[in-house]
PDB file of all heavy atoms in Angstrom:
ATOM      1  N   GLY A   1       0.998 -39.776  80.774  1.00  0.00           N
ATOM      2  CA  GLY A   1       0.008 -39.213  79.842  1.00  0.00           C
ATOM      3  C   GLY A   1      -0.149 -37.713  79.967  1.00  0.00           C
ATOM      4  O   GLY A   1      -1.116 -37.152  79.435  1.00  0.00           O
ATOM      5  N   VAL A   2       0.787 -37.057  80.607  1.00  0.00           N
ATOM      6  CA  VAL A   2       0.775 -35.573  80.703  1.00  0.00           C
ATOM      7  C   VAL A   2       0.932 -34.979  79.289  1.00  0.00           C
ATOM      8  O   VAL A   2       0.323 -33.969  78.957  1.00  0.00           O
ATOM      9  CB  VAL A   2       1.852 -35.058  81.653  1.00  0.00           C
ATOM     10  CG1 VAL A   2       1.927 -33.540  81.634  1.00  0.00           C
ATOM     11  CG2 VAL A   2       1.573 -35.574  83.084  1.00  0.00           C
ATOM     12  N   VAL A   3       1.795 -35.599  78.484  1.00  0.00           N
ATOM     13  CA  VAL A   3       1.996 -35.183  77.070  1.00  0.00           C
ATOM     14  C   VAL A   3       1.861 -36.434  76.201  1.00  0.00           C
ATOM     15  O   VAL A   3       2.122 -37.527  76.668  1.00  0.00           O
ATOM     16  CB  VAL A   3       3.339 -34.461  76.833  1.00  0.00           C
ATOM     17  CG1 VAL A   3       3.416 -33.198  77.608  1.00  0.00           C
ATOM     18  CG2 VAL A   3       4.513 -35.396  77.172  1.00  0.00           C
ATOM     19  N   ASP A   4       1.493 -36.204  74.980  1.00  0.00           N
ATOM     20  CA  ASP A   4       1.430 -37.337  74.032  1.00  0.00           C
ATOM     21  C   ASP A   4       2.089 -37.025  72.699  1.00  0.00           C
ATOM     22  O   ASP A   4       1.931 -37.759  71.738  1.00  0.00           O
ATOM     23  CB  ASP A   4      -0.050 -37.786  73.805  1.00  0.00           C
ATOM     24  CG  ASP A   4      -0.971 -36.648  73.436  1.00  0.00           C
ATOM     25  OD1 ASP A   4      -0.469 -35.661  72.847  1.00  0.00           O
ATOM     26  OD2 ASP A   4      -2.197 -36.755  73.696  1.00  0.00           O
ATOM     27  N   ALA A   5       2.828 -35.958  72.702  1.00  0.00           N
ATOM     28  CA  ALA A   5       3.595 -35.604  71.504  1.00  0.00           C
ATOM     29  C   ALA A   5       4.734 -34.658  71.906  1.00  0.00           C
ATOM     30  O   ALA A   5       4.609 -33.910  72.892  1.00  0.00           O
ATOM     31  CB  ALA A   5       2.700 -34.904  70.468  1.00  0.00           C
ATOM     32  N   THR A   6       5.804 -34.622  71.112  1.00  0.00           N
ATOM     33  CA  THR A   6       6.891 -33.727  71.413  1.00  0.00           C
ATOM     34  C   THR A   6       7.682 -33.430  70.131  1.00  0.00           C
ATOM     35  O   THR A   6       7.711 -34.263  69.213  1.00  0.00           O
ATOM     36  CB  THR A   6       7.834 -34.314  72.452  1.00  0.00           C
ATOM     37  OG1 THR A   6       8.830 -33.328  72.841  1.00  0.00           O
ATOM     38  CG2 THR A   6       8.513 -35.597  71.967  1.00  0.00           C
ATOM     39  N   GLY A   7       8.353 -32.285  70.122  1.00  0.00           N
ATOM     40  CA  GLY A   7       9.380 -32.090  69.145  1.00  0.00           C
ATOM     41  C   GLY A   7      10.698 -32.697  69.679  1.00  0.00           C
ATOM     42  O   GLY A   7      10.899 -32.647  70.877  1.00  0.00           O
ATOM     43  N   TRP A   8      11.467 -33.263  68.821  1.00  0.00           N
ATOM     44  CA  TRP A   8      12.806 -33.721  69.235  1.00  0.00           C
ATOM     45  C   TRP A   8      13.595 -33.956  67.960  1.00  0.00           C
ATOM     46  O   TRP A   8      13.059 -34.055  66.853  1.00  0.00           O
ATOM     47  CB  TRP A   8      12.738 -35.034  70.050  1.00  0.00           C
ATOM     48  CG  TRP A   8      14.068 -35.414  70.612  1.00  0.00           C
ATOM     49  CD1 TRP A   8      14.878 -36.476  70.208  1.00  0.00           C
ATOM     50  CD2 TRP A   8      14.752 -34.748  71.642  1.00  0.00           C
ATOM     51  NE1 TRP A   8      16.013 -36.445  70.940  1.00  0.00           N
ATOM     52  CE2 TRP A   8      16.021 -35.405  71.838  1.00  0.00           C
ATOM     53  CE3 TRP A   8      14.517 -33.608  72.449  1.00  0.00           C
ATOM     54  CZ2 TRP A   8      16.958 -35.010  72.766  1.00  0.00           C
ATOM     55  CZ3 TRP A   8      15.444 -33.190  73.364  1.00  0.00           C
ATOM     56  CH2 TRP A   8      16.649 -33.918  73.539  1.00  0.00           C
ATOM     57  N   THR A   9      14.912 -33.978  68.137  1.00  0.00           N
ATOM     58  CA  THR A   9      15.808 -34.128  67.006  1.00  0.00           C
ATOM     59  C   THR A   9      15.660 -35.539  66.429  1.00  0.00           C
ATOM     60  O   THR A   9      15.092 -36.437  66.983  1.00  0.00           O
ATOM     61  CB  THR A   9      17.270 -33.926  67.434  1.00  0.00           C
ATOM     62  OG1 THR A   9      17.639 -34.904  68.389  1.00  0.00           O
ATOM     63  CG2 THR A   9      17.459 -32.538  68.007  1.00  0.00           C
ATOM     64  N   GLN A  10      16.280 -35.683  65.239  1.00  0.00           N
ATOM     65  CA  GLN A  10      16.179 -36.990  64.536  1.00  0.00           C
ATOM     66  C   GLN A  10      16.926 -38.080  65.329  1.00  0.00           C
ATOM     67  O   GLN A  10      16.678 -39.254  65.101  1.00  0.00           O
ATOM     68  CB  GLN A  10      16.856 -36.853  63.162  1.00  0.00           C
ATOM     69  CG  GLN A  10      16.126 -35.931  62.186  1.00  0.00           C
ATOM     70  CD  GLN A  10      16.952 -35.714  60.944  1.00  0.00           C
ATOM     71  OE1 GLN A  10      18.140 -35.389  61.003  1.00  0.00           O
ATOM     72  NE2 GLN A  10      16.288 -35.889  59.811  1.00  0.00           N
ATOM     73  N   ILE A  11      17.762 -37.682  66.211  1.00  0.00           N
ATOM     74  CA  ILE A  11      18.668 -38.628  66.946  1.00  0.00           C
ATOM     75  C   ILE A  11      18.370 -38.499  68.426  1.00  0.00           C
ATOM     76  O   ILE A  11      18.077 -37.404  68.959  1.00  0.00           O
ATOM     77  CB  ILE A  11      20.128 -38.264  66.718  1.00  0.00           C
ATOM     78  CG1 ILE A  11      20.455 -38.421  65.212  1.00  0.00           C
ATOM     79  CG2 ILE A  11      21.039 -39.125  67.552  1.00  0.00           C
ATOM     80  CD1 ILE A  11      21.816 -37.880  64.850  1.00  0.00           C
ATOM     81  N   GLY A  12      18.402 -39.630  69.125  1.00  0.00           N
ATOM     82  CA  GLY A  12      18.391 -39.557  70.593  1.00  0.00           C
ATOM     83  C   GLY A  12      17.112 -40.095  71.245  1.00  0.00           C
ATOM     84  O   GLY A  12      17.074 -40.251  72.427  1.00  0.00           O
ATOM     85  N   LEU A  13      16.067 -40.340  70.433  1.00  0.00           N
ATOM     86  CA  LEU A  13      14.803 -40.852  70.977  1.00  0.00           C
ATOM     87  C   LEU A  13      14.990 -42.135  71.711  1.00  0.00           C
ATOM     88  O   LEU A  13      14.482 -42.357  72.823  1.00  0.00           O
ATOM     89  CB  LEU A  13      13.770 -40.995  69.897  1.00  0.00           C
ATOM     90  CG  LEU A  13      12.327 -40.798  70.310  1.00  0.00           C
ATOM     91  CD1 LEU A  13      11.993 -39.352  70.540  1.00  0.00           C
ATOM     92  CD2 LEU A  13      11.382 -41.404  69.279  1.00  0.00           C
ATOM     93  N   ILE A  14      15.817 -43.038  71.137  1.00  0.00           N
ATOM     94  CA  ILE A  14      16.066 -44.323  71.758  1.00  0.00           C
ATOM     95  C   ILE A  14      16.905 -44.184  73.041  1.00  0.00           C
ATOM     96  O   ILE A  14      16.661 -44.857  74.029  1.00  0.00           O
ATOM     97  CB  ILE A  14      16.785 -45.272  70.708  1.00  0.00           C
ATOM     98  CG1 ILE A  14      15.867 -45.540  69.558  1.00  0.00           C
ATOM     99  CG2 ILE A  14      17.210 -46.597  71.430  1.00  0.00           C
ATOM    100  CD1 ILE A  14      16.530 -46.315  68.408  1.00  0.00           C
ATOM    101  N   ASP A  15      17.891 -43.299  72.985  1.00  0.00           N
ATOM    102  CA  ASP A  15      18.730 -43.059  74.186  1.00  0.00           C
ATOM    103  C   ASP A  15      17.881 -42.653  75.354  1.00  0.00           C
ATOM    104  O   ASP A  15      18.136 -43.030  76.495  1.00  0.00           O
ATOM    105  CB  ASP A  15      19.768 -41.980  73.875  1.00  0.00           C
ATOM    106  CG  ASP A  15      20.746 -42.285  72.788  1.00  0.00           C
ATOM    107  OD1 ASP A  15      20.900 -43.494  72.519  1.00  0.00           O
ATOM    108  OD2 ASP A  15      21.235 -41.395  72.136  1.00  0.00           O
ATOM    109  N   LEU A  16      16.842 -41.799  75.059  1.00  0.00           N
ATOM    110  CA  LEU A  16      15.964 -41.292  76.113  1.00  0.00           C
ATOM    111  C   LEU A  16      14.825 -42.252  76.445  1.00  0.00           C
ATOM    112  O   LEU A  16      14.049 -42.023  77.428  1.00  0.00           O
ATOM    113  CB  LEU A  16      15.390 -39.959  75.660  1.00  0.00           C
ATOM    114  CG  LEU A  16      16.412 -38.802  75.488  1.00  0.00           C
ATOM    115  CD1 LEU A  16      15.828 -37.698  74.652  1.00  0.00           C
ATOM    116  CD2 LEU A  16      16.876 -38.290  76.830  1.00  0.00           C
ATOM    117  N   LYS A  17      14.687 -43.287  75.630  1.00  0.00           N
ATOM    118  CA  LYS A  17      13.610 -44.296  75.826  1.00  0.00           C
ATOM    119  C   LYS A  17      12.204 -43.740  75.578  1.00  0.00           C
ATOM    120  O   LYS A  17      11.243 -44.322  75.951  1.00  0.00           O
ATOM    121  CB  LYS A  17      13.738 -44.931  77.181  1.00  0.00           C
ATOM    122  CG  LYS A  17      15.053 -45.658  77.390  1.00  0.00           C
ATOM    123  CD  LYS A  17      15.078 -46.374  78.748  1.00  0.00           C
ATOM    124  CE  LYS A  17      16.440 -47.066  78.963  1.00  0.00           C
ATOM    125  NZ  LYS A  17      16.486 -47.774  80.265  1.00  0.00           N
ATOM    126  N   TRP A  18      12.114 -42.605  74.895  1.00  0.00           N
ATOM    127  CA  TRP A  18      10.805 -42.042  74.583  1.00  0.00           C
ATOM    128  C   TRP A  18      10.080 -42.894  73.594  1.00  0.00           C
ATOM    129  O   TRP A  18       8.836 -42.852  73.447  1.00  0.00           O
ATOM    130  CB  TRP A  18      10.928 -40.636  74.057  1.00  0.00           C
ATOM    131  CG  TRP A  18      11.498 -39.665  75.040  1.00  0.00           C
ATOM    132  CD1 TRP A  18      11.793 -39.905  76.386  1.00  0.00           C
ATOM    133  CD2 TRP A  18      11.849 -38.285  74.814  1.00  0.00           C
ATOM    134  NE1 TRP A  18      12.313 -38.761  76.954  1.00  0.00           N
ATOM    135  CE2 TRP A  18      12.350 -37.760  76.019  1.00  0.00           C
ATOM    136  CE3 TRP A  18      11.762 -37.493  73.728  1.00  0.00           C
ATOM    137  CZ2 TRP A  18      12.779 -36.447  76.142  1.00  0.00           C
ATOM    138  CZ3 TRP A  18      12.208 -36.155  73.796  1.00  0.00           C
ATOM    139  CH2 TRP A  18      12.705 -35.622  75.021  1.00  0.00           C
ATOM    140  N   ASN A  19      10.798 -43.707  72.816  1.00  0.00           N
ATOM    141  CA  ASN A  19      10.181 -44.574  71.817  1.00  0.00           C
ATOM    142  C   ASN A  19       9.308 -45.653  72.486  1.00  0.00           C
ATOM    143  O   ASN A  19       8.514 -46.331  71.804  1.00  0.00           O
ATOM    144  CB  ASN A  19      11.226 -45.244  70.976  1.00  0.00           C
ATOM    145  CG  ASN A  19      12.253 -46.063  71.719  1.00  0.00           C
ATOM    146  OD1 ASN A  19      12.854 -45.543  72.681  1.00  0.00           O
ATOM    147  ND2 ASN A  19      12.435 -47.309  71.375  1.00  0.00           N
ATOM    148  N   GLU A  20       9.377 -45.786  73.786  1.00  0.00           N
ATOM    149  CA  GLU A  20       8.469 -46.706  74.498  1.00  0.00           C
ATOM    150  C   GLU A  20       7.029 -46.201  74.384  1.00  0.00           C
ATOM    151  O   GLU A  20       6.062 -46.967  74.623  1.00  0.00           O
ATOM    152  CB  GLU A  20       8.877 -46.816  75.947  1.00  0.00           C
ATOM    153  CG  GLU A  20      10.216 -47.531  76.135  1.00  0.00           C
ATOM    154  CD  GLU A  20      10.633 -47.607  77.604  1.00  0.00           C
ATOM    155  OE1 GLU A  20       9.785 -47.340  78.455  1.00  0.00           O
ATOM    156  OE2 GLU A  20      11.816 -47.944  77.872  1.00  0.00           O
ATOM    157  N   PHE A  21       6.854 -44.890  74.142  1.00  0.00           N
ATOM    158  CA  PHE A  21       5.539 -44.265  74.156  1.00  0.00           C
ATOM    159  C   PHE A  21       5.138 -43.660  72.811  1.00  0.00           C
ATOM    160  O   PHE A  21       3.941 -43.475  72.535  1.00  0.00           O
ATOM    161  CB  PHE A  21       5.438 -43.213  75.253  1.00  0.00           C
ATOM    162  CG  PHE A  21       5.931 -43.674  76.595  1.00  0.00           C
ATOM    163  CD1 PHE A  21       7.190 -43.347  77.059  1.00  0.00           C
ATOM    164  CD2 PHE A  21       5.129 -44.514  77.375  1.00  0.00           C
ATOM    165  CE1 PHE A  21       7.644 -43.762  78.270  1.00  0.00           C
ATOM    166  CE2 PHE A  21       5.605 -44.972  78.593  1.00  0.00           C
ATOM    167  CZ  PHE A  21       6.877 -44.588  79.063  1.00  0.00           C
ATOM    168  N   LEU A  22       6.129 -43.242  72.024  1.00  0.00           N
ATOM    169  CA  LEU A  22       5.870 -42.529  70.789  1.00  0.00           C
ATOM    170  C   LEU A  22       5.942 -43.498  69.618  1.00  0.00           C
ATOM    171  O   LEU A  22       6.855 -44.287  69.517  1.00  0.00           O
ATOM    172  CB  LEU A  22       6.894 -41.385  70.632  1.00  0.00           C
ATOM    173  CG  LEU A  22       6.846 -40.330  71.767  1.00  0.00           C
ATOM    174  CD1 LEU A  22       8.042 -39.387  71.660  1.00  0.00           C
ATOM    175  CD2 LEU A  22       5.544 -39.555  71.712  1.00  0.00           C
ATOM    176  N   ASN A  23       4.940 -43.377  68.760  1.00  0.00           N
ATOM    177  CA  ASN A  23       4.810 -44.375  67.669  1.00  0.00           C
ATOM    178  C   ASN A  23       4.820 -43.817  66.289  1.00  0.00           C
ATOM    179  O   ASN A  23       4.859 -44.576  65.304  1.00  0.00           O
ATOM    180  CB  ASN A  23       3.445 -45.082  67.852  1.00  0.00           C
ATOM    181  CG  ASN A  23       3.332 -45.765  69.251  1.00  0.00           C
ATOM    182  OD1 ASN A  23       4.209 -46.525  69.653  1.00  0.00           O
ATOM    183  ND2 ASN A  23       2.291 -45.411  69.981  1.00  0.00           N
ATOM    184  N   TYR A  24       4.789 -42.467  66.170  1.00  0.00           N
ATOM    185  CA  TYR A  24       4.748 -41.849  64.810  1.00  0.00           C
ATOM    186  C   TYR A  24       5.788 -40.756  64.713  1.00  0.00           C
ATOM    187  O   TYR A  24       5.932 -39.933  65.648  1.00  0.00           O
ATOM    188  CB  TYR A  24       3.345 -41.266  64.544  1.00  0.00           C
ATOM    189  CG  TYR A  24       2.293 -42.333  64.403  1.00  0.00           C
ATOM    190  CD1 TYR A  24       1.653 -42.837  65.523  1.00  0.00           C
ATOM    191  CD2 TYR A  24       1.947 -42.819  63.120  1.00  0.00           C
ATOM    192  CE1 TYR A  24       0.660 -43.782  65.413  1.00  0.00           C
ATOM    193  CE2 TYR A  24       0.945 -43.815  63.010  1.00  0.00           C
ATOM    194  CZ  TYR A  24       0.330 -44.290  64.184  1.00  0.00           C
ATOM    195  OH  TYR A  24      -0.633 -45.282  64.061  1.00  0.00           O
TER     196      TYR A  24
END
């Protein structure tokens, strides 16, 4: 919970597993 939003490219969120926390 240190961050709750980030910029990132259209690709790679799943590779990094950030989609476990990011919903929008």
